[in-house]
């Protein structure tokens, strides 16, 4: 009596729609677990890093080497200055060209200076700098730490009673935060300068451009951009260090390559998401007035 029902259930269970839904469910559950595991691991890494930074400032015996921090700052930030300047200069020159014809129809071509300055200091300066550093510094940090894991250098440090987080993560994380903020300031200035060069070619008076730029840029707008840059740098350093240290010794070069690729992708996604959250918060509190 129950055999027809069981056959019917088997046919339904083996239907393409059911199999597709089951596959999507397994993928979603697995992806959710990996995401939560990554977030939890990054939170633990961040808390441990902050603990070592705090101890380094107040406990002489637990201080980190300033030479290591300076080396990472040069490697992460100073060497990225040319590419950041090139990209921001190009954006600063392109943006006025895109806006000029539309604004000139209403006699507001001078407002190119206002739009360019606001876009640079509030949004494009820190955002483009962070995206550049995702590929320039984030991938490098992940590859370096991943290679150290596969070469068992991390185990060698631990066997010598040296904490890998203190000696490897702390200087890299601090360097990415500091240099992202500094490079964002350079990017802001370069983008405004690029807009000025284009404005001159379009017949806009230089003094007018300078005055409108000064009126558009205020302390609040400048500080919101720096806050974004600091958080972006924190995300880059944290994701890169976590994925680099997450490589398993037996994965070899394949694991290092996967960690490097994932670092760039995850950093860009995290930066865009954080930027959207910050923009909503700043607008909600009326900071963009």
Protein backbone atom coordinates (compact mmCIF):
# COMPACT_ATOMS: atom_id res chain seq x y z
CA UNK A 1 0.00 0.00 0.00
CA UNK A 2 2.86 2.41 0.77
CA UNK A 3 5.00 1.49 -2.27
CA UNK A 4 3.41 4.00 -4.72
CA UNK A 5 3.94 6.81 -2.22
CA UNK A 6 7.61 5.89 -1.75
CA UNK A 7 8.15 5.81 -5.51
CA UNK A 8 6.48 9.17 -5.83
CA UNK A 9 8.71 10.63 -3.10
CA UNK A 10 11.80 9.23 -4.84
CA UNK A 11 10.77 10.79 -8.13
CA UNK A 12 10.16 14.16 -6.47
CA UNK A 13 13.41 13.97 -4.51
CA UNK A 14 15.39 13.25 -7.66
CA UNK A 15 13.82 16.04 -9.72
CA UNK A 16 16.20 18.65 -11.18
CA UNK A 17 14.60 21.46 -9.19
CA UNK A 18 14.99 19.60 -5.91
CA UNK A 19 18.58 18.68 -6.64
CA UNK A 20 19.35 22.28 -7.62
CA UNK A 21 17.79 23.65 -4.44
CA UNK A 22 19.67 21.10 -2.33
CA UNK A 23 22.93 22.04 -4.02
CA UNK A 24 22.30 25.75 -3.46
CA UNK A 25 21.48 25.02 0.17
CA UNK A 26 24.71 23.09 0.71
CA UNK A 27 26.74 25.83 -0.99
CA UNK A 28 25.05 28.53 1.09
CA UNK A 29 25.56 26.69 4.35
CA UNK A 30 29.19 25.89 3.53
CA UNK A 31 29.89 29.45 2.42
CA UNK A 32 28.23 30.84 5.53
CA UNK A 33 30.33 28.63 7.78
CA UNK A 34 33.54 29.62 6.01
CA UNK A 35 32.59 33.30 6.20
CA UNK A 36 31.81 33.15 9.90
CA UNK A 37 34.98 31.18 10.54
CA UNK A 38 37.03 33.78 8.67
CA UNK A 39 35.39 36.67 10.52
CA UNK A 40 35.96 34.96 13.85
CA UNK A 41 39.58 34.19 13.01
CA UNK A 42 40.23 37.77 11.89
CA UNK A 43 38.63 39.10 15.07
CA UNK A 44 40.91 36.92 17.20
CA UNK A 45 43.93 38.00 15.16
CA UNK A 46 42.95 41.66 15.54
CA UNK A 47 42.46 41.35 19.31
CA UNK A 48 45.83 39.61 19.69
CA UNK A 49 47.54 42.24 17.53
CA UNK A 50 46.00 45.12 19.47
CA UNK A 51 47.08 43.47 22.70
CA UNK A 52 50.69 43.30 21.49
CA UNK A 53 50.55 46.92 20.27
CA UNK A 54 49.21 48.06 23.64
CA UNK A 55 51.90 46.12 25.50
CA UNK A 56 54.56 47.48 23.16
CA UNK A 57 53.75 51.07 24.13
CA UNK A 58 53.64 50.49 27.88
CA UNK A 59 55.88 47.49 28.55
CA UNK A 60 59.53 47.96 27.47
CA UNK A 61 60.16 44.23 27.33
CA UNK A 62 57.25 43.67 24.93
CA UNK A 63 57.99 46.53 22.55
CA UNK A 64 58.16 45.86 18.81
CA UNK A 65 61.11 46.95 16.70
CA UNK A 66 60.69 50.36 15.13
CA UNK A 67 63.05 49.30 12.34
CA UNK A 68 60.59 46.59 11.29
CA UNK A 69 57.73 49.10 11.26
CA UNK A 70 59.70 51.62 9.19
CA UNK A 71 60.75 48.90 6.77
CA UNK A 72 57.14 47.85 6.24
CA UNK A 73 56.01 51.46 5.86
CA UNK A 74 58.55 51.98 3.08
CA UNK A 75 57.65 48.68 1.46
CA UNK A 76 53.89 49.12 1.74
CA UNK A 77 53.47 52.85 1.26
CA UNK A 78 56.48 54.71 -0.08
CA UNK A 79 56.94 52.35 -3.01
CA UNK A 80 53.25 52.71 -3.87
CA UNK A 81 53.42 56.52 -4.20
CA UNK A 82 54.12 56.55 -7.98
CA UNK A 83 51.16 54.33 -8.88
CA UNK A 84 48.82 56.20 -6.50
CA UNK A 85 49.90 59.56 -7.94
CA UNK A 86 49.47 58.31 -11.51
CA UNK A 87 45.96 56.96 -10.91
CA UNK A 88 44.71 59.94 -8.91
CA UNK A 89 46.18 62.41 -11.41
CA UNK A 90 44.40 60.63 -14.25
CA UNK A 91 41.09 60.58 -12.35
CA UNK A 92 41.46 64.24 -11.43
CA UNK A 93 41.98 65.15 -15.09
CA UNK A 94 39.24 62.87 -16.45
CA UNK A 95 36.44 63.89 -14.07
CA UNK A 96 36.29 67.57 -15.14
CA UNK A 97 36.28 66.56 -18.80
CA UNK A 98 33.27 64.33 -18.18
CA UNK A 99 31.36 67.10 -16.38
CA UNK A 100 32.31 70.21 -18.34
CA UNK A 101 29.80 70.08 -21.22
CA UNK A 102 26.83 69.38 -18.94
CA UNK A 103 27.72 72.06 -16.41
CA UNK A 104 28.61 74.60 -19.08
CA UNK A 105 25.07 74.36 -20.49
CA UNK A 106 23.79 75.89 -17.25
CA UNK A 107 26.65 78.34 -16.84
CA UNK A 108 28.10 76.39 -13.92
CA UNK A 109 31.38 75.19 -15.42
CA UNK A 110 33.27 76.70 -12.47
CA UNK A 111 31.61 74.16 -10.17
CA UNK A 112 33.97 71.57 -11.57
CA UNK A 113 36.33 72.64 -8.80
CA UNK A 114 33.72 72.02 -6.11
CA UNK A 115 32.72 68.59 -7.41
CA UNK A 116 36.30 67.50 -7.96
CA UNK A 117 37.39 68.57 -4.46
CA UNK A 118 34.45 66.88 -2.73
CA UNK A 119 34.94 63.68 -4.72
CA UNK A 120 38.66 63.63 -3.91
CA UNK A 121 38.58 64.29 -0.18
CA UNK A 122 35.43 62.40 0.74
CA UNK A 123 35.44 59.43 -1.61
CA UNK A 124 37.89 58.80 -4.44
CA UNK A 125 41.08 59.69 -2.58
CA UNK A 126 40.83 57.08 0.19
CA UNK A 127 38.89 54.57 -1.93
CA UNK A 128 41.27 54.41 -4.89
CA UNK A 129 44.28 54.45 -2.58
CA UNK A 130 42.94 51.46 -0.68
CA UNK A 131 42.15 49.55 -3.88
CA UNK A 132 45.68 50.16 -5.15
CA UNK A 133 47.17 48.99 -1.85
CA UNK A 134 44.99 45.87 -1.95
CA UNK A 135 46.93 44.65 -4.94
CA UNK A 136 50.24 46.32 -4.17
CA UNK A 137 50.60 45.60 -0.44
CA UNK A 138 47.86 43.13 0.48
CA UNK A 139 48.88 40.51 -2.06
CA UNK A 140 52.54 40.94 -1.14
CA UNK A 141 51.90 40.48 2.58
CA UNK A 142 49.74 37.40 2.03
CA UNK A 143 52.29 35.81 -0.31
CA UNK A 144 55.16 36.52 2.06
CA UNK A 145 53.45 35.11 5.15
CA UNK A 146 52.08 32.15 3.20
CA UNK A 147 55.56 31.33 1.92
CA UNK A 148 56.91 31.53 5.47
CA UNK A 149 54.25 29.05 6.58
CA UNK A 150 55.06 26.55 3.81
CA UNK A 151 58.79 26.92 4.55
CA UNK A 152 58.03 26.20 8.24
CA UNK A 153 59.54 29.51 9.30
CA UNK A 154 56.51 30.21 11.50
CA UNK A 155 57.09 26.95 13.37
CA UNK A 156 60.74 27.91 13.74
CA UNK A 157 59.76 31.20 15.39
CA UNK A 158 57.38 29.41 17.75
CA UNK A 159 60.07 26.87 18.64
CA UNK A 160 62.27 29.80 19.71
CA UNK A 161 59.44 31.16 21.89
CA UNK A 162 58.90 34.10 19.51
CA UNK A 163 55.30 35.10 18.89
CA UNK A 164 54.61 35.33 15.12
CA UNK A 165 51.85 37.89 15.65
CA UNK A 166 54.16 40.24 17.53
CA UNK A 167 57.07 40.00 15.09
CA UNK A 168 55.21 39.57 11.79
CA UNK A 169 51.64 40.85 12.01
CA UNK A 170 52.05 43.94 14.22
CA UNK A 171 54.47 45.88 11.97
CA UNK A 172 52.58 44.97 8.80
CA UNK A 173 49.17 45.88 10.18
CA UNK A 174 50.39 49.18 11.62
CA UNK A 175 52.20 50.01 8.36
CA UNK A 176 49.12 49.45 6.20
CA UNK A 177 46.95 51.65 8.44
CA UNK A 178 49.49 54.49 8.69
CA UNK A 179 50.47 54.48 5.03
CA UNK A 180 46.90 54.23 3.74
CA UNK A 181 46.07 57.42 5.62
CA UNK A 182 49.21 59.19 4.41
CA UNK A 183 48.76 58.08 0.83
CA UNK A 184 45.13 59.24 0.93
CA UNK A 185 46.29 62.76 1.76
CA UNK A 186 48.70 62.65 -1.18
CA UNK A 187 45.93 61.27 -3.40
CA UNK A 188 43.56 64.10 -2.40
CA UNK A 189 46.10 66.78 -3.31
CA UNK A 190 47.09 65.10 -6.57
CA UNK A 191 43.49 64.66 -7.69
CA UNK A 192 42.72 68.32 -7.03
CA UNK A 193 45.89 69.27 -8.91
CA UNK A 194 44.83 67.10 -11.84
CA UNK A 195 41.46 68.82 -11.92
CA UNK A 196 43.19 72.19 -11.86
CA UNK A 197 45.31 71.26 -14.89
CA UNK A 198 42.21 70.27 -16.84
CA UNK A 199 40.27 73.33 -15.69
CA UNK A 200 43.01 75.61 -16.99
CA UNK A 201 42.81 73.92 -20.38
CA UNK A 202 39.02 74.35 -20.37
CA UNK A 203 39.32 78.10 -19.78
CA UNK A 204 38.42 78.22 -16.09
CA UNK A 205 40.26 80.90 -14.14
CA UNK A 206 42.92 79.52 -11.80
CA UNK A 207 42.00 81.84 -8.92
CA UNK A 208 38.33 80.88 -9.20
CA UNK A 209 39.24 77.17 -9.13
CA UNK A 210 41.40 77.68 -6.04
CA UNK A 211 38.74 79.68 -4.19
CA UNK A 212 35.95 77.19 -4.94
CA UNK A 213 38.18 74.32 -3.85
CA UNK A 214 38.86 76.03 -0.53
CA UNK A 215 35.15 76.59 0.01
CA UNK A 216 34.30 72.96 -0.83
CA UNK A 217 36.87 71.37 1.47
CA UNK A 218 36.23 71.63 5.19
CA UNK A 219 37.64 69.90 8.25
CA UNK A 220 34.69 67.51 8.51
CA UNK A 221 34.99 66.31 4.93
CA UNK A 222 38.74 65.91 5.27
CA UNK A 223 38.50 63.96 8.53
CA UNK A 224 35.77 61.63 7.24
CA UNK A 225 38.07 60.73 4.36
CA UNK A 226 40.93 60.00 6.76
CA UNK A 227 38.67 57.84 8.94
CA UNK A 228 37.70 55.84 5.88
CA UNK A 229 41.35 55.49 4.87
CA UNK A 230 42.35 54.23 8.32
CA UNK A 231 39.63 51.57 8.34
CA UNK A 232 40.47 50.56 4.77
CA UNK A 233 44.11 50.12 5.75
CA UNK A 234 43.09 48.05 8.76
CA UNK A 235 40.99 45.78 6.56
CA UNK A 236 43.80 45.33 4.04
CA UNK A 237 46.40 44.45 6.65
CA UNK A 238 44.08 42.21 8.64
CA UNK A 239 42.79 40.22 5.66
CA UNK A 240 46.26 39.86 4.14
CA UNK A 241 47.86 38.68 7.38
CA UNK A 242 45.02 36.29 8.21
CA UNK A 243 44.92 34.63 4.79
CA UNK A 244 48.70 34.43 4.65
CA UNK A 245 48.93 32.72 8.03
CA UNK A 246 45.96 30.48 7.16
CA UNK A 247 47.98 28.70 4.46
CA UNK A 248 48.77 25.12 5.44
CA UNK A 249 52.37 23.85 5.22
CA UNK A 250 51.38 20.98 2.89
CA UNK A 251 49.57 23.26 0.41
CA UNK A 252 52.80 24.61 -1.02
CA UNK A 253 52.82 27.14 -3.83
CA UNK A 254 49.20 26.40 -4.70
CA UNK A 255 48.06 27.50 -1.26
CA UNK A 256 50.19 30.64 -1.43
CA UNK A 257 48.73 31.54 -4.83
CA UNK A 258 45.19 30.96 -3.60
CA UNK A 259 45.79 33.11 -0.52
CA UNK A 260 47.23 35.91 -2.65
CA UNK A 261 44.29 35.90 -5.05
CA UNK A 262 41.72 35.71 -2.27
CA UNK A 263 43.41 38.58 -0.45
CA UNK A 264 42.94 40.98 -3.36
CA UNK A 265 39.33 39.92 -3.93
CA UNK A 266 38.32 39.96 -0.26
CA UNK A 267 40.06 43.30 0.35
CA UNK A 268 38.26 45.03 -2.52
CA UNK A 269 34.89 43.61 -1.45
CA UNK A 270 35.49 44.59 2.19
CA UNK A 271 36.62 48.09 1.19
CA UNK A 272 33.58 48.73 -0.99
CA UNK A 273 31.26 47.39 1.72
CA UNK A 274 32.90 49.48 4.44
CA UNK A 275 32.77 52.55 2.21
CA UNK A 276 29.03 52.10 1.69
CA UNK A 277 28.46 51.70 5.43
CA UNK A 278 30.52 54.79 6.28
CA UNK A 279 28.76 56.87 3.63
CA UNK A 280 25.33 55.96 5.01
CA UNK A 281 26.45 56.71 8.58
CA UNK A 282 28.01 60.07 7.67
CA UNK A 283 24.96 61.15 5.72
CA UNK A 284 22.66 60.02 8.53
CA UNK A 285 24.51 62.27 10.99
CA UNK A 286 24.61 65.18 8.56
CA UNK A 287 28.40 65.22 8.15
CA UNK A 288 28.16 65.69 4.38
CA UNK A 289 26.49 69.09 4.38
